[in-house]
Amino acid sequence: MEQRFRGTSTHKVDAKGRVSIPADFRRVLDACDPGRDGGVNPRLVLCFGDPRFPYFTAYTIEGVAEIGEMIEDMDEGDPHREALEDYFYSDAETVGIDDSGRLILNAGLRARIGVTDQATFAGKGKTFRIYSPAAPEQATSRLGSVLAELPENVPITSLLPKKRRTPE
């Protein structure tokens, strides 16, 4: 079964930083964290080390394991490997989901992306983003700018690699 994060929704953040993860997202996280003990809630890896963007990127346990294998294949001392290690290990946190389907964003994390009383979750296929609903759309999504560059009457599916595009 294909496990992808889809949809966008905004959820209330309580005074302790607890926020409910969308139910469909929880199902993907559950399916992509198969090695945990029975009765243990799924986890995710929250990456927050890129200050250029006003959002966090969340990865499934399986997804971040795949990335870890790719990093391990890189040469030690490679500056790109070191940057990826910083992003995926030093500036990341493995977060558990509580029994109510919530995660906790501590005050420091919330301040980094401007989250106050609400957080938006946006599906990105293998990952999802968490950001403030007040974040500018052009900072959290490239859809508008890409659509503006496409000629009129050209569908967005024209951007897919040809070998994967369904014949018309």
N, C-alpha and C. Protein backbone atom coordinates (compact mmCIF):
# COMPACT_ATOMS: atom_id res chain seq x y z
N MET A 1 0.84 -1.19 0.00
CA MET A 1 0.00 0.00 0.00
C MET A 1 0.88 1.24 0.00
N GLU A 2 0.53 2.20 -0.84
CA GLU A 2 1.31 3.43 -0.91
C GLU A 2 1.06 4.26 0.34
N GLN A 3 2.14 4.70 0.97
CA GLN A 3 2.04 5.52 2.16
C GLN A 3 2.55 6.92 1.83
N ARG A 4 1.64 7.86 1.69
CA ARG A 4 1.99 9.24 1.37
C ARG A 4 1.18 10.19 2.23
N PHE A 5 1.81 11.32 2.56
CA PHE A 5 1.13 12.39 3.29
C PHE A 5 0.45 13.29 2.27
N ARG A 6 -0.87 13.46 2.44
CA ARG A 6 -1.65 14.31 1.54
C ARG A 6 -2.56 15.20 2.36
N GLY A 7 -2.78 16.41 1.83
CA GLY A 7 -3.72 17.33 2.45
C GLY A 7 -3.02 18.40 3.28
N THR A 8 -3.81 19.40 3.62
CA THR A 8 -3.35 20.51 4.46
C THR A 8 -4.43 20.80 5.47
N SER A 9 -4.03 20.94 6.73
CA SER A 9 -5.01 21.30 7.76
C SER A 9 -4.31 22.06 8.88
N THR A 10 -5.08 22.88 9.54
CA THR A 10 -4.57 23.70 10.64
C THR A 10 -5.20 23.23 11.94
N HIS A 11 -4.34 23.12 12.97
CA HIS A 11 -4.79 22.59 14.25
C HIS A 11 -4.37 23.51 15.39
N LYS A 12 -5.18 23.49 16.43
CA LYS A 12 -4.94 24.30 17.62
C LYS A 12 -3.73 23.78 18.39
N VAL A 13 -2.91 24.69 18.90
CA VAL A 13 -1.77 24.36 19.74
C VAL A 13 -2.12 24.84 21.14
N ASP A 14 -2.04 23.94 22.13
CA ASP A 14 -2.39 24.36 23.49
C ASP A 14 -1.19 25.03 24.18
N ALA A 15 -1.41 25.50 25.39
CA ALA A 15 -0.38 26.25 26.12
C ALA A 15 0.88 25.43 26.37
N LYS A 16 0.78 24.10 26.40
CA LYS A 16 1.95 23.24 26.60
C LYS A 16 2.63 22.87 25.29
N GLY A 17 2.11 23.36 24.16
CA GLY A 17 2.71 23.07 22.87
C GLY A 17 2.21 21.79 22.23
N ARG A 18 1.14 21.21 22.77
CA ARG A 18 0.58 19.98 22.19
C ARG A 18 -0.31 20.34 21.00
N VAL A 19 -0.14 19.58 19.92
CA VAL A 19 -0.94 19.80 18.72
C VAL A 19 -1.29 18.44 18.12
N SER A 20 -2.54 18.31 17.70
CA SER A 20 -2.99 17.05 17.10
C SER A 20 -2.47 16.92 15.68
N ILE A 21 -1.95 15.75 15.38
CA ILE A 21 -1.50 15.43 14.03
C ILE A 21 -2.73 14.95 13.25
N PRO A 22 -2.91 15.39 12.01
CA PRO A 22 -4.07 14.91 11.25
C PRO A 22 -4.15 13.39 11.24
N ALA A 23 -5.37 12.87 11.34
CA ALA A 23 -5.57 11.42 11.44
C ALA A 23 -4.94 10.67 10.27
N ASP A 24 -5.09 11.17 9.04
CA ASP A 24 -4.48 10.50 7.89
C ASP A 24 -2.96 10.47 8.01
N PHE A 25 -2.37 11.52 8.54
CA PHE A 25 -0.92 11.55 8.74
C PHE A 25 -0.51 10.51 9.78
N ARG A 26 -1.31 10.37 10.84
CA ARG A 26 -1.00 9.38 11.88
C ARG A 26 -1.00 7.97 11.31
N ARG A 27 -1.92 7.69 10.39
CA ARG A 27 -1.96 6.36 9.77
C ARG A 27 -0.68 6.08 8.98
N VAL A 28 -0.19 7.09 8.26
CA VAL A 28 1.06 6.92 7.51
C VAL A 28 2.22 6.72 8.49
N LEU A 29 2.28 7.53 9.53
CA LEU A 29 3.35 7.38 10.52
C LEU A 29 3.32 6.00 11.16
N ASP A 30 2.13 5.51 11.45
CA ASP A 30 1.97 4.19 12.05
C ASP A 30 2.50 3.11 11.11
N ALA A 31 2.12 3.18 9.84
CA ALA A 31 2.55 2.16 8.87
C ALA A 31 4.05 2.22 8.60
N CYS A 32 4.65 3.39 8.78
CA CYS A 32 6.06 3.56 8.45
C CYS A 32 6.96 3.56 9.68
N ASP A 33 6.48 2.99 10.77
CA ASP A 33 7.28 2.79 11.99
C ASP A 33 7.02 1.37 12.49
N PRO A 34 7.29 0.37 11.64
CA PRO A 34 6.88 -1.00 11.95
C PRO A 34 7.72 -1.71 13.01
N GLY A 35 8.90 -1.25 13.30
CA GLY A 35 9.78 -1.98 14.20
C GLY A 35 9.57 -1.71 15.67
N ARG A 36 8.62 -0.87 16.02
CA ARG A 36 8.43 -0.53 17.43
C ARG A 36 7.67 -1.66 18.15
N ASP A 37 7.78 -1.69 19.45
CA ASP A 37 7.10 -2.70 20.26
C ASP A 37 5.60 -2.48 20.21
N GLY A 38 4.85 -3.56 20.39
CA GLY A 38 3.40 -3.49 20.41
C GLY A 38 2.92 -2.56 21.50
N GLY A 39 1.90 -1.78 21.19
CA GLY A 39 1.35 -0.84 22.17
C GLY A 39 2.10 0.47 22.25
N VAL A 40 3.19 0.61 21.51
CA VAL A 40 3.96 1.85 21.50
C VAL A 40 3.49 2.70 20.33
N ASN A 41 3.23 3.97 20.58
CA ASN A 41 2.76 4.87 19.53
C ASN A 41 3.86 5.14 18.51
N PRO A 42 3.47 5.47 17.29
CA PRO A 42 4.47 5.75 16.25
C PRO A 42 5.27 7.01 16.56
N ARG A 43 6.40 7.11 15.89
CA ARG A 43 7.30 8.25 16.05
C ARG A 43 7.52 8.90 14.69
N LEU A 44 8.12 10.06 14.73
CA LEU A 44 8.52 10.77 13.53
C LEU A 44 9.82 11.49 13.84
N VAL A 45 10.51 11.91 12.80
CA VAL A 45 11.73 12.70 12.98
C VAL A 45 11.43 14.09 12.46
N LEU A 46 11.59 15.07 13.33
CA LEU A 46 11.32 16.46 13.02
C LEU A 46 12.65 17.16 12.76
N CYS A 47 12.85 17.65 11.54
CA CYS A 47 14.09 18.36 11.18
C CYS A 47 13.82 19.85 11.18
N PHE A 48 14.70 20.60 11.86
CA PHE A 48 14.47 22.03 12.03
C PHE A 48 15.73 22.85 11.80
N GLY A 49 16.70 22.30 11.07
CA GLY A 49 17.99 22.96 10.95
C GLY A 49 18.18 23.85 9.74
N ASP A 50 17.13 24.16 8.99
CA ASP A 50 17.30 25.04 7.83
C ASP A 50 16.58 26.35 8.08
N PRO A 51 17.31 27.36 8.56
CA PRO A 51 16.68 28.63 8.92
C PRO A 51 16.17 29.44 7.73
N ARG A 52 16.44 28.98 6.52
CA ARG A 52 15.96 29.70 5.33
C ARG A 52 14.46 29.54 5.14
N PHE A 53 13.87 28.53 5.77
CA PHE A 53 12.46 28.24 5.58
C PHE A 53 11.70 28.32 6.89
N PRO A 54 10.47 28.85 6.87
CA PRO A 54 9.68 29.01 8.10
C PRO A 54 8.85 27.78 8.43
N TYR A 55 9.44 26.60 8.28
CA TYR A 55 8.71 25.38 8.59
C TYR A 55 9.68 24.30 9.03
N PHE A 56 9.12 23.27 9.64
CA PHE A 56 9.86 22.05 9.96
C PHE A 56 9.43 21.00 8.97
N THR A 57 10.33 20.08 8.68
CA THR A 57 9.98 18.95 7.83
C THR A 57 9.98 17.71 8.71
N ALA A 58 8.89 16.94 8.61
CA ALA A 58 8.74 15.72 9.40
C ALA A 58 8.89 14.51 8.49
N TYR A 59 9.67 13.54 8.94
CA TYR A 59 9.94 12.32 8.20
C TYR A 59 9.44 11.13 8.99
N THR A 60 9.01 10.09 8.28
CA THR A 60 8.67 8.84 8.94
C THR A 60 9.97 8.18 9.41
N ILE A 61 9.86 7.21 10.29
CA ILE A 61 11.03 6.47 10.74
C ILE A 61 11.66 5.72 9.57
N GLU A 62 10.85 5.09 8.73
CA GLU A 62 11.39 4.41 7.55
C GLU A 62 12.06 5.40 6.59
N GLY A 63 11.43 6.54 6.39
CA GLY A 63 11.98 7.54 5.46
C GLY A 63 13.32 8.07 5.90
N VAL A 64 13.45 8.35 7.17
CA VAL A 64 14.72 8.89 7.66
C VAL A 64 15.79 7.79 7.69
N ALA A 65 15.38 6.54 7.84
CA ALA A 65 16.34 5.44 7.78
C ALA A 65 16.92 5.32 6.37
N GLU A 66 16.09 5.49 5.34
CA GLU A 66 16.57 5.47 3.95
C GLU A 66 17.58 6.59 3.73
N ILE A 67 17.27 7.76 4.24
CA ILE A 67 18.19 8.89 4.08
C ILE A 67 19.48 8.62 4.84
N GLY A 68 19.38 8.03 6.01
CA GLY A 68 20.58 7.68 6.79
C GLY A 68 21.50 6.75 6.03
N GLU A 69 20.91 5.79 5.31
CA GLU A 69 21.73 4.88 4.49
C GLU A 69 22.44 5.63 3.37
N MET A 70 21.77 6.58 2.77
CA MET A 70 22.41 7.38 1.71
C MET A 70 23.55 8.22 2.27
N ILE A 71 23.36 8.76 3.47
CA ILE A 71 24.41 9.56 4.10
C ILE A 71 25.61 8.66 4.41
N GLU A 72 25.34 7.45 4.91
CA GLU A 72 26.42 6.52 5.24
C GLU A 72 27.25 6.14 4.02
N ASP A 73 26.64 6.16 2.83
CA ASP A 73 27.36 5.83 1.60
C ASP A 73 28.28 6.95 1.13
N MET A 74 28.14 8.13 1.70
CA MET A 74 28.99 9.26 1.30
C MET A 74 30.34 9.16 2.00
N ASP A 75 31.33 9.80 1.41
CA ASP A 75 32.67 9.79 2.00
C ASP A 75 32.71 10.60 3.29
N GLU A 76 33.37 10.04 4.31
CA GLU A 76 33.56 10.79 5.55
C GLU A 76 34.42 12.00 5.23
N GLY A 77 34.10 13.12 5.85
CA GLY A 77 34.84 14.35 5.59
C GLY A 77 34.26 15.17 4.45
N ASP A 78 33.38 14.57 3.66
CA ASP A 78 32.72 15.31 2.57
C ASP A 78 31.87 16.40 3.23
N PRO A 79 32.05 17.67 2.84
CA PRO A 79 31.27 18.74 3.48
C PRO A 79 29.76 18.58 3.29
N HIS A 80 29.35 17.98 2.18
CA HIS A 80 27.92 17.75 1.99
C HIS A 80 27.41 16.69 2.96
N ARG A 81 28.22 15.67 3.20
CA ARG A 81 27.83 14.66 4.18
C ARG A 81 27.70 15.30 5.56
N GLU A 82 28.66 16.13 5.90
CA GLU A 82 28.63 16.77 7.22
C GLU A 82 27.42 17.68 7.36
N ALA A 83 27.06 18.40 6.30
CA ALA A 83 25.87 19.26 6.35
C ALA A 83 24.61 18.41 6.52
N LEU A 84 24.54 17.30 5.79
CA LEU A 84 23.38 16.40 5.91
C LEU A 84 23.32 15.77 7.30
N GLU A 85 24.47 15.43 7.86
CA GLU A 85 24.49 14.89 9.23
C GLU A 85 23.98 15.93 10.22
N ASP A 86 24.39 17.17 10.03
CA ASP A 86 23.88 18.23 10.91
C ASP A 86 22.36 18.33 10.80
N TYR A 87 21.86 18.36 9.57
CA TYR A 87 20.43 18.54 9.35
C TYR A 87 19.61 17.36 9.88
N PHE A 88 20.04 16.13 9.57
CA PHE A 88 19.24 14.96 9.92
C PHE A 88 19.54 14.38 11.30
N TYR A 89 20.65 14.78 11.91
CA TYR A 89 20.99 14.22 13.23
C TYR A 89 21.11 15.30 14.31
N SER A 90 21.92 16.33 14.09
CA SER A 90 22.14 17.34 15.12
C SER A 90 20.94 18.27 15.27
N ASP A 91 20.36 18.69 14.15
CA ASP A 91 19.24 19.63 14.17
C ASP A 91 17.93 18.91 13.90
N ALA A 92 17.75 17.80 14.56
CA ALA A 92 16.55 16.99 14.39
C ALA A 92 16.20 16.35 15.73
N GLU A 93 14.98 15.93 15.81
CA GLU A 93 14.52 15.30 17.06
C GLU A 93 13.55 14.18 16.71
N THR A 94 13.72 13.03 17.34
CA THR A 94 12.74 11.96 17.20
C THR A 94 11.63 12.25 18.20
N VAL A 95 10.41 12.33 17.70
CA VAL A 95 9.28 12.75 18.51
C VAL A 95 8.26 11.63 18.55
N GLY A 96 7.80 11.31 19.74
CA GLY A 96 6.73 10.33 19.89
C GLY A 96 5.38 11.01 19.84
N ILE A 97 4.40 10.25 19.44
CA ILE A 97 3.03 10.74 19.41
C ILE A 97 2.33 10.19 20.65
N ASP A 98 1.59 11.04 21.35
CA ASP A 98 0.93 10.57 22.56
C ASP A 98 -0.33 9.78 22.22
N ASP A 99 -0.99 9.25 23.23
CA ASP A 99 -2.17 8.40 23.02
C ASP A 99 -3.34 9.15 22.38
N SER A 100 -3.31 10.47 22.42
CA SER A 100 -4.38 11.28 21.81
C SER A 100 -4.02 11.70 20.38
N GLY A 101 -2.88 11.23 19.86
CA GLY A 101 -2.48 11.57 18.50
C GLY A 101 -1.83 12.93 18.38
N ARG A 102 -1.22 13.39 19.47
CA ARG A 102 -0.60 14.72 19.47
C ARG A 102 0.92 14.61 19.58
N LEU A 103 1.58 15.65 19.12
CA LEU A 103 3.01 15.79 19.38
C LEU A 103 3.20 17.09 20.14
N ILE A 104 4.34 17.20 20.79
CA ILE A 104 4.62 18.41 21.57
C ILE A 104 5.71 19.20 20.86
N LEU A 105 5.39 20.45 20.55
CA LEU A 105 6.37 21.40 20.03
C LEU A 105 6.74 22.31 21.19
N ASN A 106 7.97 22.17 21.69
CA ASN A 106 8.36 23.01 22.83
C ASN A 106 8.42 24.47 22.41
N ALA A 107 8.50 25.36 23.39
CA ALA A 107 8.45 26.80 23.13
C ALA A 107 9.56 27.25 22.17
N GLY A 108 10.75 26.68 22.29
CA GLY A 108 11.86 27.05 21.40
C GLY A 108 11.57 26.67 19.96
N LEU A 109 11.04 25.49 19.76
CA LEU A 109 10.69 25.06 18.40
C LEU A 109 9.58 25.94 17.83
N ARG A 110 8.56 26.20 18.62
CA ARG A 110 7.46 27.04 18.13
C ARG A 110 7.95 28.42 17.74
N ALA A 111 8.84 28.98 18.53
CA ALA A 111 9.35 30.33 18.24
C ALA A 111 10.14 30.36 16.94
N ARG A 112 10.85 29.28 16.63
CA ARG A 112 11.66 29.24 15.40
C ARG A 112 10.84 29.43 14.14
N ILE A 113 9.58 28.97 14.15
CA ILE A 113 8.76 29.07 12.95
C ILE A 113 7.52 29.95 13.16
N GLY A 114 7.47 30.64 14.28
CA GLY A 114 6.38 31.58 14.51
C GLY A 114 5.04 30.96 14.85
N VAL A 115 5.04 29.73 15.34
CA VAL A 115 3.79 29.08 15.73
C VAL A 115 3.38 29.60 17.10
N THR A 116 2.14 30.04 17.21
CA THR A 116 1.62 30.49 18.50
C THR A 116 0.49 29.56 18.92
N ASP A 117 -0.74 29.88 18.54
CA ASP A 117 -1.88 29.08 18.98
C ASP A 117 -2.40 28.11 17.91
N GLN A 118 -1.78 28.10 16.71
CA GLN A 118 -2.17 27.18 15.66
C GLN A 118 -0.96 26.74 14.86
N ALA A 119 -1.04 25.53 14.31
CA ALA A 119 0.01 25.02 13.43
C ALA A 119 -0.66 24.37 12.22
N THR A 120 -0.05 24.59 11.06
CA THR A 120 -0.55 24.00 9.83
C THR A 120 0.31 22.81 9.46
N PHE A 121 -0.35 21.73 9.05
CA PHE A 121 0.31 20.52 8.58
C PHE A 121 0.03 20.42 7.08
N ALA A 122 1.09 20.27 6.28
CA ALA A 122 0.93 20.17 4.83
C ALA A 122 1.64 18.93 4.32
N GLY A 123 0.89 18.04 3.68
CA GLY A 123 1.45 16.82 3.13
C GLY A 123 2.35 17.11 1.95
N LYS A 124 3.47 16.40 1.90
CA LYS A 124 4.44 16.54 0.81
C LYS A 124 4.87 15.16 0.31
N GLY A 125 3.96 14.21 0.31
CA GLY A 125 4.29 12.87 -0.15
C GLY A 125 4.98 12.06 0.92
N LYS A 126 6.30 11.94 0.83
CA LYS A 126 7.04 11.15 1.82
C LYS A 126 7.31 11.91 3.11
N THR A 127 7.05 13.22 3.11
CA THR A 127 7.26 14.05 4.29
C THR A 127 6.02 14.93 4.49
N PHE A 128 6.02 15.65 5.60
CA PHE A 128 5.05 16.73 5.75
C PHE A 128 5.72 17.89 6.45
N ARG A 129 5.12 19.06 6.27
CA ARG A 129 5.66 20.28 6.88
C ARG A 129 4.74 20.76 7.97
N ILE A 130 5.35 21.42 8.94
CA ILE A 130 4.60 22.08 10.01
C ILE A 130 5.03 23.53 10.01
N TYR A 131 4.05 24.44 9.96
CA TYR A 131 4.37 25.86 9.95
C TYR A 131 3.23 26.68 10.53
N SER A 132 3.50 27.95 10.74
CA SER A 132 2.48 28.86 11.23
C SER A 132 1.51 29.19 10.11
N PRO A 133 0.21 29.25 10.41
CA PRO A 133 -0.74 29.66 9.37
C PRO A 133 -0.46 31.08 8.88
N ALA A 134 0.29 31.87 9.66
CA ALA A 134 0.64 33.24 9.27
C ALA A 134 1.83 33.30 8.32
N ALA A 135 2.52 32.17 8.11
CA ALA A 135 3.68 32.16 7.21
C ALA A 135 3.22 32.49 5.79
N PRO A 136 4.00 33.28 5.07
CA PRO A 136 3.60 33.61 3.69
C PRO A 136 3.53 32.36 2.81
N GLU A 137 2.50 32.26 1.99
CA GLU A 137 2.32 31.09 1.14
C GLU A 137 3.53 30.84 0.24
N GLN A 138 4.13 31.89 -0.29
CA GLN A 138 5.28 31.71 -1.18
C GLN A 138 6.49 31.14 -0.44
N ALA A 139 6.50 31.19 0.89
CA ALA A 139 7.60 30.62 1.67
C ALA A 139 7.35 29.15 2.02
N THR A 140 6.10 28.71 1.93
CA THR A 140 5.77 27.33 2.31
C THR A 140 5.38 26.45 1.13
N SER A 141 5.13 27.06 -0.03
CA SER A 141 4.73 26.29 -1.21
C SER A 141 5.24 26.97 -2.48
N ARG A 142 5.70 26.17 -3.41
CA ARG A 142 6.17 26.70 -4.69
C ARG A 142 5.12 26.58 -5.79
N LEU A 143 3.96 26.05 -5.46
CA LEU A 143 2.94 25.80 -6.48
C LEU A 143 2.58 27.07 -7.25
N GLY A 144 2.28 28.14 -6.55
CA GLY A 144 1.87 29.37 -7.22
C GLY A 144 2.90 29.90 -8.19
N SER A 145 4.16 29.93 -7.78
CA SER A 145 5.20 30.46 -8.67
C SER A 145 5.44 29.56 -9.87
N VAL A 146 5.36 28.25 -9.67
CA VAL A 146 5.55 27.31 -10.80
C VAL A 146 4.38 27.42 -11.77
N LEU A 147 3.16 27.50 -11.26
CA LEU A 147 2.01 27.64 -12.15
C LEU A 147 2.09 28.93 -12.96
N ALA A 148 2.59 30.01 -12.34
CA ALA A 148 2.71 31.28 -13.04
C ALA A 148 3.71 31.21 -14.20
N GLU A 149 4.67 30.30 -14.11
CA GLU A 149 5.67 30.14 -15.17
C GLU A 149 5.20 29.25 -16.32
N LEU A 150 4.19 28.42 -16.07
CA LEU A 150 3.70 27.52 -17.12
C LEU A 150 2.88 28.29 -18.15
N PRO A 151 3.05 27.96 -19.41
CA PRO A 151 2.20 28.59 -20.43
C PRO A 151 0.73 28.26 -20.18
N GLU A 152 -0.13 29.15 -20.64
CA GLU A 152 -1.56 28.96 -20.47
C GLU A 152 -1.99 27.63 -21.10
N ASN A 153 -2.90 26.96 -20.46
CA ASN A 153 -3.47 25.68 -20.92
C ASN A 153 -2.48 24.51 -20.84
N VAL A 154 -1.34 24.67 -20.20
CA VAL A 154 -0.40 23.57 -20.02
C VAL A 154 -0.62 23.04 -18.60
N PRO A 155 -1.01 21.77 -18.46
CA PRO A 155 -1.30 21.24 -17.12
C PRO A 155 -0.02 21.02 -16.31
N ILE A 156 -0.17 21.04 -15.02
CA ILE A 156 0.98 20.83 -14.14
C ILE A 156 1.58 19.44 -14.34
N THR A 157 0.79 18.49 -14.79
CA THR A 157 1.32 17.14 -15.01
C THR A 157 2.39 17.12 -16.09
N SER A 158 2.49 18.18 -16.89
CA SER A 158 3.55 18.25 -17.91
C SER A 158 4.93 18.33 -17.27
N LEU A 159 4.99 18.65 -15.99
CA LEU A 159 6.27 18.74 -15.28
C LEU A 159 6.80 17.38 -14.85
N LEU A 160 5.95 16.35 -14.90
CA LEU A 160 6.39 15.01 -14.50
C LEU A 160 7.43 14.49 -15.49
N PRO A 161 8.38 13.70 -15.00
CA PRO A 161 9.34 13.10 -15.94
C PRO A 161 8.58 12.28 -16.98
N LYS A 162 9.01 12.34 -18.20
CA LYS A 162 8.28 11.68 -19.30
C LYS A 162 8.10 10.19 -19.08
N LYS A 163 9.09 9.53 -18.51
CA LYS A 163 8.98 8.08 -18.33
C LYS A 163 7.90 7.70 -17.32
N ARG A 164 7.49 8.64 -16.49
CA ARG A 164 6.46 8.35 -15.49
C ARG A 164 5.10 8.91 -15.86
N ARG A 165 5.06 9.76 -16.86
CA ARG A 165 3.82 10.42 -17.25
C ARG A 165 2.90 9.42 -17.94
N THR A 166 1.63 9.49 -17.61
CA THR A 166 0.64 8.62 -18.25
C THR A 166 0.43 9.10 -19.67
N PRO A 167 0.41 8.17 -20.65
CA PRO A 167 0.17 8.59 -22.04
C PRO A 167 -1.18 9.27 -22.16
N GLU A 168 -1.23 10.30 -23.02
CA GLU A 168 -2.47 11.06 -23.19
C GLU A 168 -3.34 10.46 -24.26
